[in-house]
């Protein structure tokens, strides 16, 4: 889409500054950067889901990289040639294997859709309400991963500070926190995003699987078996070694230390692969939050999720 057309489009939406470096625009209650909106609108109107597509959905920094790596292993989408034993996770970052749909449309990489083998696996950060009707009404599967909002925020703060332009001072935690609790961040508000997918998973559990990052950390074997069954690739009772292999191949420590993730960059955005591997822990927020910050975000979370049956 031409820049002039983009400008005319963006002028229609409420605007806020994100961390003093990025203009965000509000559309249907959610905040997006100017480069996302044209791709999002094209994706919503043009994408035709296939019945065996898999959509990995998430807010930002909730475990998307891990979920992609797990699905690459489970679905066999590592593009491995039967005549060799090359593990494609050693060749490309999980985000280069499983593309974000709204950015495929923005960067005009639609030829990749035509070349993809079935079943196709995609990612999106869009809220459920913004998904194309072809996804909602087809037999394709959706997997959503959620995470404790405090850890999500801390991971988001570190991530964006890592990819700031050179010689840019890190953005202050307190100011980033104020933006987060107001819902003014990419694909925010966080709580509304999570609730949309949670409520849809209750209505249609055979179509939408709702995972929690903390559950994957607590019971990785059980959660991987649940994920594989949902994807139609169940492990048998005797397949413990196969489950262990999936967990090893997709593990944080292994991926973080692969050469491609230490030195490579994403092919479309140029974001360093290393920026997706910081700690991968549960509870890191305790190293950053004041008591007041914890209380404030906990109160918002309790109020938003009250009566929904969701506990993060």
C-alpha atoms as a PDB file:
ATOM      1  CA  UNK A   1       0.000   0.000   0.000  1.00  0.00           C
ATOM      2  CA  UNK A   2       1.371   3.397  -0.923  1.00  0.00           C
ATOM      3  CA  UNK A   3       2.542   5.722   1.825  1.00  0.00           C
ATOM      4  CA  UNK A   4      -0.016   8.370   0.861  1.00  0.00           C
ATOM      5  CA  UNK A   5      -2.818   5.815   1.088  1.00  0.00           C
ATOM      6  CA  UNK A   6      -1.487   4.653   4.460  1.00  0.00           C
ATOM      7  CA  UNK A   7      -1.449   8.231   5.739  1.00  0.00           C
ATOM      8  CA  UNK A   8      -5.030   8.821   4.714  1.00  0.00           C
ATOM      9  CA  UNK A   9      -6.024   5.598   6.412  1.00  0.00           C
ATOM     10  CA  UNK A  10      -4.168   6.254   9.660  1.00  0.00           C
ATOM     11  CA  UNK A  11      -5.542   9.778  10.039  1.00  0.00           C
ATOM     12  CA  UNK A  12      -8.921   8.206  10.775  1.00  0.00           C
ATOM     13  CA  UNK A  13      -7.816   6.571  14.031  1.00  0.00           C
ATOM     14  CA  UNK A  14      -7.056   7.812  17.571  1.00  0.00           C
ATOM     15  CA  UNK A  15      -3.311   8.118  18.048  1.00  0.00           C
ATOM     16  CA  UNK A  16      -0.940   7.704  20.998  1.00  0.00           C
ATOM     17  CA  UNK A  17       2.827   7.617  21.348  1.00  0.00           C
ATOM     18  CA  UNK A  18       4.325   4.295  22.459  1.00  0.00           C
ATOM     19  CA  UNK A  19       7.495   4.783  24.509  1.00  0.00           C
ATOM     20  CA  UNK A  20       8.137   8.060  22.685  1.00  0.00           C
ATOM     21  CA  UNK A  21       9.433   6.138  19.647  1.00  0.00           C
ATOM     22  CA  UNK A  22       6.402   4.673  17.878  1.00  0.00           C
ATOM     23  CA  UNK A  23       2.998   6.020  16.890  1.00  0.00           C
ATOM     24  CA  UNK A  24       0.147   3.672  17.772  1.00  0.00           C
ATOM     25  CA  UNK A  25      -3.359   3.894  16.325  1.00  0.00           C
ATOM     26  CA  UNK A  26      -6.532   2.565  17.908  1.00  0.00           C
ATOM     27  CA  UNK A  27      -8.851   0.440  15.832  1.00  0.00           C
ATOM     28  CA  UNK A  28     -11.875  -1.361  17.343  1.00  0.00           C
ATOM     29  CA  UNK A  29     -10.458  -0.957  20.838  1.00  0.00           C
ATOM     30  CA  UNK A  30      -6.910  -2.203  20.141  1.00  0.00           C
ATOM     31  CA  UNK A  31      -3.624  -0.416  19.480  1.00  0.00           C
ATOM     32  CA  UNK A  32      -1.499  -1.077  16.398  1.00  0.00           C
ATOM     33  CA  UNK A  33       1.543   0.471  14.755  1.00  0.00           C
ATOM     34  CA  UNK A  34       1.058   2.153  11.421  1.00  0.00           C
ATOM     35  CA  UNK A  35       2.742  -0.695   9.538  1.00  0.00           C
ATOM     36  CA  UNK A  36       0.413  -3.312  11.035  1.00  0.00           C
ATOM     37  CA  UNK A  37      -2.937  -1.751  10.136  1.00  0.00           C
ATOM     38  CA  UNK A  38      -2.707  -1.991   6.308  1.00  0.00           C
ATOM     39  CA  UNK A  39      -1.519  -5.601   6.532  1.00  0.00           C
ATOM     40  CA  UNK A  40      -4.137  -6.433   9.142  1.00  0.00           C
ATOM     41  CA  UNK A  41      -6.988  -5.044   7.040  1.00  0.00           C
ATOM     42  CA  UNK A  42      -5.753  -6.862   3.935  1.00  0.00           C
ATOM     43  CA  UNK A  43      -5.337 -10.091   5.906  1.00  0.00           C
ATOM     44  CA  UNK A  44      -8.832  -9.789   7.361  1.00  0.00           C
ATOM     45  CA  UNK A  45     -10.504  -9.227   4.004  1.00  0.00           C
ATOM     46  CA  UNK A  46      -8.420 -11.471   1.740  1.00  0.00           C
ATOM     47  CA  UNK A  47      -7.118 -14.477   3.686  1.00  0.00           C
ATOM     48  CA  UNK A  48      -8.782 -17.795   2.898  1.00  0.00           C
ATOM     49  CA  UNK A  49      -8.198 -20.359   5.598  1.00  0.00           C
ATOM     50  CA  UNK A  50      -7.839 -24.033   4.712  1.00  0.00           C
ATOM     51  CA  UNK A  51      -9.503 -26.658   6.850  1.00  0.00           C
ATOM     52  CA  UNK A  52      -6.172 -28.045   8.077  1.00  0.00           C
ATOM     53  CA  UNK A  53      -4.487 -24.681   8.766  1.00  0.00           C
ATOM     54  CA  UNK A  54      -3.112 -24.080  12.263  1.00  0.00           C
ATOM     55  CA  UNK A  55      -3.076 -20.525  13.654  1.00  0.00           C
ATOM     56  CA  UNK A  56      -0.801 -19.805  16.616  1.00  0.00           C
ATOM     57  CA  UNK A  57      -2.185 -16.723  18.322  1.00  0.00           C
ATOM     58  CA  UNK A  58      -0.727 -14.675  21.148  1.00  0.00           C
ATOM     59  CA  UNK A  59      -0.239 -11.270  22.618  1.00  0.00           C
ATOM     60  CA  UNK A  60       3.387 -10.192  22.387  1.00  0.00           C
ATOM     61  CA  UNK A  61       6.013 -11.794  24.667  1.00  0.00           C
ATOM     62  CA  UNK A  62       3.829 -14.551  26.104  1.00  0.00           C
ATOM     63  CA  UNK A  63       5.764 -17.583  24.811  1.00  0.00           C
ATOM     64  CA  UNK A  64       5.240 -17.327  21.065  1.00  0.00           C
ATOM     65  CA  UNK A  65       8.777 -18.448  20.183  1.00  0.00           C
ATOM     66  CA  UNK A  66       8.489 -21.571  22.331  1.00  0.00           C
ATOM     67  CA  UNK A  67       5.033 -22.405  20.966  1.00  0.00           C
ATOM     68  CA  UNK A  68       6.306 -22.103  17.395  1.00  0.00           C
ATOM     69  CA  UNK A  69       9.282 -24.363  18.119  1.00  0.00           C
ATOM     70  CA  UNK A  70       7.022 -26.950  19.752  1.00  0.00           C
ATOM     71  CA  UNK A  71       4.643 -26.967  16.800  1.00  0.00           C
ATOM     72  CA  UNK A  72       7.511 -27.232  14.305  1.00  0.00           C
ATOM     73  CA  UNK A  73       8.629 -30.385  16.101  1.00  0.00           C
ATOM     74  CA  UNK A  74       5.154 -31.849  16.591  1.00  0.00           C
ATOM     75  CA  UNK A  75       3.834 -31.079  13.118  1.00  0.00           C
ATOM     76  CA  UNK A  76       6.995 -32.158  11.348  1.00  0.00           C
ATOM     77  CA  UNK A  77       7.236 -28.756   9.705  1.00  0.00           C
ATOM     78  CA  UNK A  78      10.988 -28.577  10.175  1.00  0.00           C
ATOM     79  CA  UNK A  79      11.250 -29.108   6.370  1.00  0.00           C
ATOM     80  CA  UNK A  80      13.595 -32.025   6.892  1.00  0.00           C
ATOM     81  CA  UNK A  81      14.670 -33.959   3.822  1.00  0.00           C
ATOM     82  CA  UNK A  82      14.067 -37.673   4.324  1.00  0.00           C
ATOM     83  CA  UNK A  83      17.583 -38.358   3.077  1.00  0.00           C
ATOM     84  CA  UNK A  84      19.317 -36.323   5.756  1.00  0.00           C
ATOM     85  CA  UNK A  85      18.955 -35.498   9.398  1.00  0.00           C
ATOM     86  CA  UNK A  86      19.185 -31.710   9.249  1.00  0.00           C
ATOM     87  CA  UNK A  87      17.150 -30.104  12.008  1.00  0.00           C
ATOM     88  CA  UNK A  88      15.786 -26.925  10.469  1.00  0.00           C
ATOM     89  CA  UNK A  89      15.582 -25.266  13.893  1.00  0.00           C
ATOM     90  CA  UNK A  90      19.363 -25.134  13.523  1.00  0.00           C
ATOM     91  CA  UNK A  91      18.969 -23.353  10.183  1.00  0.00           C
ATOM     92  CA  UNK A  92      16.315 -20.718  10.887  1.00  0.00           C
ATOM     93  CA  UNK A  93      14.735 -19.034  13.888  1.00  0.00           C
ATOM     94  CA  UNK A  94      11.198 -20.285  14.704  1.00  0.00           C
ATOM     95  CA  UNK A  95       9.811 -16.908  13.587  1.00  0.00           C
ATOM     96  CA  UNK A  96      11.319 -17.410  10.130  1.00  0.00           C
ATOM     97  CA  UNK A  97       9.664 -20.832   9.903  1.00  0.00           C
ATOM     98  CA  UNK A  98       6.199 -19.734  11.038  1.00  0.00           C
ATOM     99  CA  UNK A  99       5.326 -16.308   9.711  1.00  0.00           C
ATOM    100  CA  UNK A 100       3.067 -13.669  11.226  1.00  0.00           C
ATOM    101  CA  UNK A 101       0.096 -13.323   8.871  1.00  0.00           C
ATOM    102  CA  UNK A 102      -0.513  -9.596   9.232  1.00  0.00           C
ATOM    103  CA  UNK A 103       3.138  -8.933   8.320  1.00  0.00           C
ATOM    104  CA  UNK A 104       3.031 -11.322   5.357  1.00  0.00           C
ATOM    105  CA  UNK A 105       0.342  -9.067   3.942  1.00  0.00           C
ATOM    106  CA  UNK A 106       2.100  -5.836   4.854  1.00  0.00           C
ATOM    107  CA  UNK A 107       5.429  -6.919   3.325  1.00  0.00           C
ATOM    108  CA  UNK A 108       3.571  -8.326   0.293  1.00  0.00           C
ATOM    109  CA  UNK A 109       5.024 -11.806   0.782  1.00  0.00           C
ATOM    110  CA  UNK A 110       1.855 -13.554  -0.348  1.00  0.00           C
ATOM    111  CA  UNK A 111       3.758 -15.771  -2.749  1.00  0.00           C
ATOM    112  CA  UNK A 112       4.877 -17.674   0.345  1.00  0.00           C
ATOM    113  CA  UNK A 113       1.255 -18.715   0.933  1.00  0.00           C
ATOM    114  CA  UNK A 114       1.066 -20.385  -2.457  1.00  0.00           C
ATOM    115  CA  UNK A 115       4.302 -22.276  -1.935  1.00  0.00           C
ATOM    116  CA  UNK A 116       3.430 -23.662   1.504  1.00  0.00           C
ATOM    117  CA  UNK A 117       2.831 -27.343   2.021  1.00  0.00           C
ATOM    118  CA  UNK A 118      -0.250 -28.472   3.878  1.00  0.00           C
ATOM    119  CA  UNK A 119      -0.903 -28.323   6.772  1.00  0.00           C
ATOM    120  CA  UNK A 120       0.068 -24.660   6.903  1.00  0.00           C
ATOM    121  CA  UNK A 121       1.066 -23.159  10.257  1.00  0.00           C
ATOM    122  CA  UNK A 122       0.858 -19.408  10.857  1.00  0.00           C
ATOM    123  CA  UNK A 123       1.134 -16.930  13.693  1.00  0.00           C
ATOM    124  CA  UNK A 124      -0.873 -13.825  14.528  1.00  0.00           C
ATOM    125  CA  UNK A 125      -0.800 -11.250  17.311  1.00  0.00           C
ATOM    126  CA  UNK A 126      -4.244  -9.936  16.399  1.00  0.00           C
ATOM    127  CA  UNK A 127      -7.134 -10.167  18.861  1.00  0.00           C
ATOM    128  CA  UNK A 128      -9.780 -12.781  18.102  1.00  0.00           C
ATOM    129  CA  UNK A 129     -12.277 -10.131  17.013  1.00  0.00           C
ATOM    130  CA  UNK A 130      -9.869  -8.973  14.275  1.00  0.00           C
ATOM    131  CA  UNK A 131      -9.377 -12.405  12.689  1.00  0.00           C
ATOM    132  CA  UNK A 132     -10.789 -13.090   9.223  1.00  0.00           C
ATOM    133  CA  UNK A 133     -14.161 -14.799   9.102  1.00  0.00           C
ATOM    134  CA  UNK A 134     -12.563 -17.589   7.074  1.00  0.00           C
ATOM    135  CA  UNK A 135     -10.528 -18.551  10.142  1.00  0.00           C
ATOM    136  CA  UNK A 136     -13.462 -18.328  12.531  1.00  0.00           C
ATOM    137  CA  UNK A 137     -15.843 -20.261  10.292  1.00  0.00           C
ATOM    138  CA  UNK A 138     -13.536 -22.930   8.884  1.00  0.00           C
ATOM    139  CA  UNK A 139     -12.352 -26.153  10.487  1.00  0.00           C
ATOM    140  CA  UNK A 140      -8.819 -24.802  11.005  1.00  0.00           C
ATOM    141  CA  UNK A 141      -7.330 -24.955  14.499  1.00  0.00           C
ATOM    142  CA  UNK A 142      -6.269 -22.062  16.726  1.00  0.00           C
ATOM    143  CA  UNK A 143      -3.755 -22.380  19.569  1.00  0.00           C
ATOM    144  CA  UNK A 144      -3.480 -19.415  21.924  1.00  0.00           C
ATOM    145  CA  UNK A 145      -0.750 -18.973  24.511  1.00  0.00           C
ATOM    146  CA  UNK A 146      -1.197 -16.632  27.482  1.00  0.00           C
ATOM    147  CA  UNK A 147       1.144 -15.597  30.271  1.00  0.00           C
ATOM    148  CA  UNK A 148       1.070 -13.858  33.625  1.00  0.00           C
ATOM    149  CA  UNK A 149       0.687 -10.136  32.795  1.00  0.00           C
ATOM    150  CA  UNK A 150       3.534  -9.094  35.097  1.00  0.00           C
ATOM    151  CA  UNK A 151       6.050 -11.371  33.370  1.00  0.00           C
ATOM    152  CA  UNK A 152       4.568 -10.422  29.993  1.00  0.00           C
ATOM    153  CA  UNK A 153       5.182  -6.749  30.694  1.00  0.00           C
ATOM    154  CA  UNK A 154       8.763  -7.262  31.899  1.00  0.00           C
ATOM    155  CA  UNK A 155       9.582  -9.373  28.842  1.00  0.00           C
ATOM    156  CA  UNK A 156       7.997  -6.744  26.580  1.00  0.00           C
ATOM    157  CA  UNK A 157      10.022  -3.981  28.238  1.00  0.00           C
ATOM    158  CA  UNK A 158      13.322  -5.843  27.825  1.00  0.00           C
ATOM    159  CA  UNK A 159      12.516  -6.833  24.230  1.00  0.00           C
ATOM    160  CA  UNK A 160      11.790  -3.332  22.979  1.00  0.00           C
ATOM    161  CA  UNK A 161      14.781  -1.878  24.789  1.00  0.00           C
ATOM    162  CA  UNK A 162      16.940  -4.488  23.014  1.00  0.00           C
ATOM    163  CA  UNK A 163      15.776  -3.438  19.557  1.00  0.00           C
ATOM    164  CA  UNK A 164      15.833   0.327  20.052  1.00  0.00           C
ATOM    165  CA  UNK A 165      17.927   2.283  17.536  1.00  0.00           C
ATOM    166  CA  UNK A 166      21.665   2.535  18.379  1.00  0.00           C
ATOM    167  CA  UNK A 167      22.644   5.090  21.023  1.00  0.00           C
ATOM    168  CA  UNK A 168      19.064   5.281  22.333  1.00  0.00           C
ATOM    169  CA  UNK A 169      18.669   5.380  26.095  1.00  0.00           C
ATOM    170  CA  UNK A 170      16.627   2.475  27.536  1.00  0.00           C
ATOM    171  CA  UNK A 171      13.032   3.440  28.156  1.00  0.00           C
ATOM    172  CA  UNK A 172      12.236   3.815  31.839  1.00  0.00           C
ATOM    173  CA  UNK A 173      10.432   0.892  33.413  1.00  0.00           C
ATOM    174  CA  UNK A 174       7.976   3.112  35.274  1.00  0.00           C
ATOM    175  CA  UNK A 175       6.866   4.943  32.135  1.00  0.00           C
ATOM    176  CA  UNK A 176       6.558   1.689  30.187  1.00  0.00           C
ATOM    177  CA  UNK A 177       4.449   0.288  33.041  1.00  0.00           C
ATOM    178  CA  UNK A 178       2.073   3.252  32.899  1.00  0.00           C
ATOM    179  CA  UNK A 179       1.588   2.647  29.189  1.00  0.00           C
ATOM    180  CA  UNK A 180       0.997  -1.077  29.715  1.00  0.00           C
ATOM    181  CA  UNK A 181      -1.648  -0.720  32.426  1.00  0.00           C
ATOM    182  CA  UNK A 182      -3.485   1.768  30.209  1.00  0.00           C
ATOM    183  CA  UNK A 183      -3.481  -0.818  27.446  1.00  0.00           C
ATOM    184  CA  UNK A 184      -1.420   1.394  25.133  1.00  0.00           C
ATOM    185  CA  UNK A 185       1.075  -1.036  23.658  1.00  0.00           C
ATOM    186  CA  UNK A 186       1.310  -3.084  20.474  1.00  0.00           C
ATOM    187  CA  UNK A 187      -1.813  -5.272  20.150  1.00  0.00           C
ATOM    188  CA  UNK A 188      -2.998  -4.048  23.550  1.00  0.00           C
ATOM    189  CA  UNK A 189      -4.893  -3.922  25.811  1.00  0.00           C
ATOM    190  CA  UNK A 190      -3.354  -7.159  27.073  1.00  0.00           C
ATOM    191  CA  UNK A 191      -6.258  -8.277  29.257  1.00  0.00           C
ATOM    192  CA  UNK A 192      -8.884  -7.761  26.562  1.00  0.00           C
ATOM    193  CA  UNK A 193      -6.740  -9.702  24.102  1.00  0.00           C
ATOM    194  CA  UNK A 194      -6.437 -12.655  26.463  1.00  0.00           C
ATOM    195  CA  UNK A 195     -10.130 -12.618  27.393  1.00  0.00           C
ATOM    196  CA  UNK A 196     -11.335 -12.740  23.798  1.00  0.00           C
ATOM    197  CA  UNK A 197      -9.448 -15.969  23.150  1.00  0.00           C
ATOM    198  CA  UNK A 198     -10.283 -17.425  26.569  1.00  0.00           C
ATOM    199  CA  UNK A 199     -14.004 -16.908  26.079  1.00  0.00           C
ATOM    200  CA  UNK A 200     -13.878 -18.371  22.580  1.00  0.00           C
ATOM    201  CA  UNK A 201     -11.988 -21.429  23.888  1.00  0.00           C
ATOM    202  CA  UNK A 202     -14.835 -22.050  26.339  1.00  0.00           C
ATOM    203  CA  UNK A 203     -17.397 -21.833  23.539  1.00  0.00           C
ATOM    204  CA  UNK A 204     -15.490 -23.983  21.083  1.00  0.00           C
ATOM    205  CA  UNK A 205     -12.752 -26.049  22.761  1.00  0.00           C
ATOM    206  CA  UNK A 206     -12.409 -28.361  19.759  1.00  0.00           C
ATOM    207  CA  UNK A 207     -11.344 -25.410  17.610  1.00  0.00           C
ATOM    208  CA  UNK A 208      -9.364 -23.233  20.037  1.00  0.00           C
ATOM    209  CA  UNK A 209      -6.847 -24.560  22.537  1.00  0.00           C
ATOM    210  CA  UNK A 210      -5.922 -22.092  25.296  1.00  0.00           C
ATOM    211  CA  UNK A 211      -2.465 -22.689  26.783  1.00  0.00           C
ATOM    212  CA  UNK A 212      -0.691 -20.958  29.643  1.00  0.00           C
ATOM    213  CA  UNK A 213       3.049 -20.376  29.617  1.00  0.00           C
ATOM    214  CA  UNK A 214       3.244 -21.229  33.310  1.00  0.00           C
ATOM    215  CA  UNK A 215       1.525 -24.594  32.743  1.00  0.00           C
ATOM    216  CA  UNK A 216       4.051 -25.431  30.019  1.00  0.00           C
ATOM    217  CA  UNK A 217       6.867 -24.689  32.459  1.00  0.00           C
ATOM    218  CA  UNK A 218       5.206 -26.615  35.302  1.00  0.00           C
ATOM    219  CA  UNK A 219       4.144 -29.724  33.351  1.00  0.00           C
ATOM    220  CA  UNK A 220       5.890 -29.651  29.969  1.00  0.00           C
ATOM    221  CA  UNK A 221       5.243 -33.302  29.105  1.00  0.00           C
ATOM    222  CA  UNK A 222       1.552 -33.118  29.918  1.00  0.00           C
ATOM    223  CA  UNK A 223       1.045 -29.851  28.048  1.00  0.00           C
ATOM    224  CA  UNK A 224       2.974 -31.046  24.987  1.00  0.00           C
ATOM    225  CA  UNK A 225       0.858 -34.196  24.870  1.00  0.00           C
ATOM    226  CA  UNK A 226      -2.280 -32.043  25.080  1.00  0.00           C
ATOM    227  CA  UNK A 227      -1.011 -29.785  22.305  1.00  0.00           C
ATOM    228  CA  UNK A 228      -0.079 -32.712  20.070  1.00  0.00           C
ATOM    229  CA  UNK A 229      -3.495 -34.337  20.548  1.00  0.00           C
ATOM    230  CA  UNK A 230      -5.250 -31.078  19.691  1.00  0.00           C
ATOM    231  CA  UNK A 231      -3.175 -30.816  16.510  1.00  0.00           C
ATOM    232  CA  UNK A 232      -4.124 -34.343  15.478  1.00  0.00           C
ATOM    233  CA  UNK A 233      -0.613 -35.688  16.118  1.00  0.00           C
ATOM    234  CA  UNK A 234      -1.086 -37.496  19.456  1.00  0.00           C
ATOM    235  CA  UNK A 235       1.729 -39.315  21.209  1.00  0.00           C
ATOM    236  CA  UNK A 236       1.037 -42.863  22.333  1.00  0.00           C
ATOM    237  CA  UNK A 237       1.440 -44.020  25.913  1.00  0.00           C
ATOM    238  CA  UNK A 238       4.806 -45.534  25.014  1.00  0.00           C
ATOM    239  CA  UNK A 239       6.114 -42.444  23.231  1.00  0.00           C
ATOM    240  CA  UNK A 240       7.817 -40.822  26.219  1.00  0.00           C
ATOM    241  CA  UNK A 241      11.138 -40.705  24.366  1.00  0.00           C
ATOM    242  CA  UNK A 242       9.496 -38.839  21.486  1.00  0.00           C
ATOM    243  CA  UNK A 243       7.962 -36.331  23.885  1.00  0.00           C
ATOM    244  CA  UNK A 244      11.342 -35.838  25.520  1.00  0.00           C
ATOM    245  CA  UNK A 245      12.909 -35.293  22.095  1.00  0.00           C
ATOM    246  CA  UNK A 246      10.363 -32.581  21.237  1.00  0.00           C
ATOM    247  CA  UNK A 247      11.002 -30.841  24.543  1.00  0.00           C
ATOM    248  CA  UNK A 248      14.773 -31.021  24.089  1.00  0.00           C
ATOM    249  CA  UNK A 249      14.707 -29.746  20.502  1.00  0.00           C
ATOM    250  CA  UNK A 250      12.460 -26.824  21.429  1.00  0.00           C
ATOM    251  CA  UNK A 251      14.043 -26.047  24.792  1.00  0.00           C
ATOM    252  CA  UNK A 252      15.012 -22.485  25.624  1.00  0.00           C
ATOM    253  CA  UNK A 253      18.627 -23.307  26.438  1.00  0.00           C
ATOM    254  CA  UNK A 254      19.148 -25.262  23.211  1.00  0.00           C
ATOM    255  CA  UNK A 255      17.547 -22.653  20.964  1.00  0.00           C
ATOM    256  CA  UNK A 256      19.321 -19.783  22.694  1.00  0.00           C
ATOM    257  CA  UNK A 257      22.705 -21.400  22.091  1.00  0.00           C
ATOM    258  CA  UNK A 258      22.202 -22.341  18.441  1.00  0.00           C
ATOM    259  CA  UNK A 259      24.469 -20.354  16.141  1.00  0.00           C
ATOM    260  CA  UNK A 260      21.555 -19.075  14.071  1.00  0.00           C
ATOM    261  CA  UNK A 261      19.956 -17.539  17.155  1.00  0.00           C
ATOM    262  CA  UNK A 262      23.163 -16.084  18.556  1.00  0.00           C
ATOM    263  CA  UNK A 263      24.139 -14.228  15.379  1.00  0.00           C
ATOM    264  CA  UNK A 264      21.300 -14.317  12.843  1.00  0.00           C
ATOM    265  CA  UNK A 265      18.474 -11.875  12.062  1.00  0.00           C
ATOM    266  CA  UNK A 266      14.883 -12.354  10.959  1.00  0.00           C
ATOM    267  CA  UNK A 267      14.644 -12.349   7.184  1.00  0.00           C
ATOM    268  CA  UNK A 268      11.817  -9.802   6.877  1.00  0.00           C
ATOM    269  CA  UNK A 269      12.236  -7.357   9.787  1.00  0.00           C
ATOM    270  CA  UNK A 270      15.963  -7.676  10.510  1.00  0.00           C
ATOM    271  CA  UNK A 271      15.307  -8.071  14.255  1.00  0.00           C
ATOM    272  CA  UNK A 272      18.233  -9.959  15.859  1.00  0.00           C
ATOM    273  CA  UNK A 273      17.307 -13.566  16.606  1.00  0.00           C
ATOM    274  CA  UNK A 274      19.046 -13.283  19.970  1.00  0.00           C
ATOM    275  CA  UNK A 275      16.439 -10.748  21.143  1.00  0.00           C
ATOM    276  CA  UNK A 276      13.890 -13.574  21.455  1.00  0.00           C
ATOM    277  CA  UNK A 277      15.971 -15.447  24.033  1.00  0.00           C
ATOM    278  CA  UNK A 278      16.556 -13.627  27.304  1.00  0.00           C
ATOM    279  CA  UNK A 279      15.591 -15.745  30.337  1.00  0.00           C
ATOM    280  CA  UNK A 280      12.475 -17.785  29.622  1.00  0.00           C
ATOM    281  CA  UNK A 281      11.651 -17.895  33.343  1.00  0.00           C
ATOM    282  CA  UNK A 282       8.500 -17.605  35.422  1.00  0.00           C
ATOM    283  CA  UNK A 283       8.480 -14.863  38.054  1.00  0.00           C
ATOM    284  CA  UNK A 284      11.156 -12.517  36.688  1.00  0.00           C
ATOM    285  CA  UNK A 285       8.780  -9.627  37.403  1.00  0.00           C
ATOM    286  CA  UNK A 286       9.823  -9.910  41.064  1.00  0.00           C
ATOM    287  CA  UNK A 287      13.240  -8.519  40.088  1.00  0.00           C
ATOM    288  CA  UNK A 288      11.685  -5.381  38.598  1.00  0.00           C
ATOM    289  CA  UNK A 289       8.366  -4.530  40.252  1.00  0.00           C
ATOM    290  CA  UNK A 290       7.808  -2.369  43.281  1.00  0.00           C
ATOM    291  CA  UNK A 291       5.045  -3.392  45.682  1.00  0.00           C
ATOM    292  CA  UNK A 292       2.928  -0.576  44.277  1.00  0.00           C
ATOM    293  CA  UNK A 293       3.391  -1.782  40.703  1.00  0.00           C
ATOM    294  CA  UNK A 294       2.489  -5.341  41.662  1.00  0.00           C
ATOM    295  CA  UNK A 295      -0.613  -4.234  43.512  1.00  0.00           C
ATOM    296  CA  UNK A 296      -1.730  -1.983  40.669  1.00  0.00           C
ATOM    297  CA  UNK A 297      -1.433  -4.593  37.927  1.00  0.00           C
ATOM    298  CA  UNK A 298      -2.886  -7.347  40.129  1.00  0.00           C
ATOM    299  CA  UNK A 299      -5.939  -5.203  40.826  1.00  0.00           C
ATOM    300  CA  UNK A 300      -6.494  -4.588  37.115  1.00  0.00           C
ATOM    301  CA  UNK A 301      -6.083  -8.297  36.365  1.00  0.00           C
ATOM    302  CA  UNK A 302      -8.526  -9.346  39.085  1.00  0.00           C
ATOM    303  CA  UNK A 303     -11.095  -6.813  37.929  1.00  0.00           C
ATOM    304  CA  UNK A 304     -10.770  -7.756  34.255  1.00  0.00           C
ATOM    305  CA  UNK A 305     -10.880 -11.518  34.818  1.00  0.00           C
ATOM    306  CA  UNK A 306     -13.453 -11.577  37.629  1.00  0.00           C
ATOM    307  CA  UNK A 307     -16.175 -14.140  36.945  1.00  0.00           C
ATOM    308  CA  UNK A 308     -14.525 -15.478  33.792  1.00  0.00           C
ATOM    309  CA  UNK A 309     -12.906 -18.556  35.320  1.00  0.00           C
ATOM    310  CA  UNK A 310      -9.500 -17.440  34.025  1.00  0.00           C
ATOM    311  CA  UNK A 311      -6.550 -17.294  36.387  1.00  0.00           C
ATOM    312  CA  UNK A 312      -3.113 -16.184  35.225  1.00  0.00           C
END
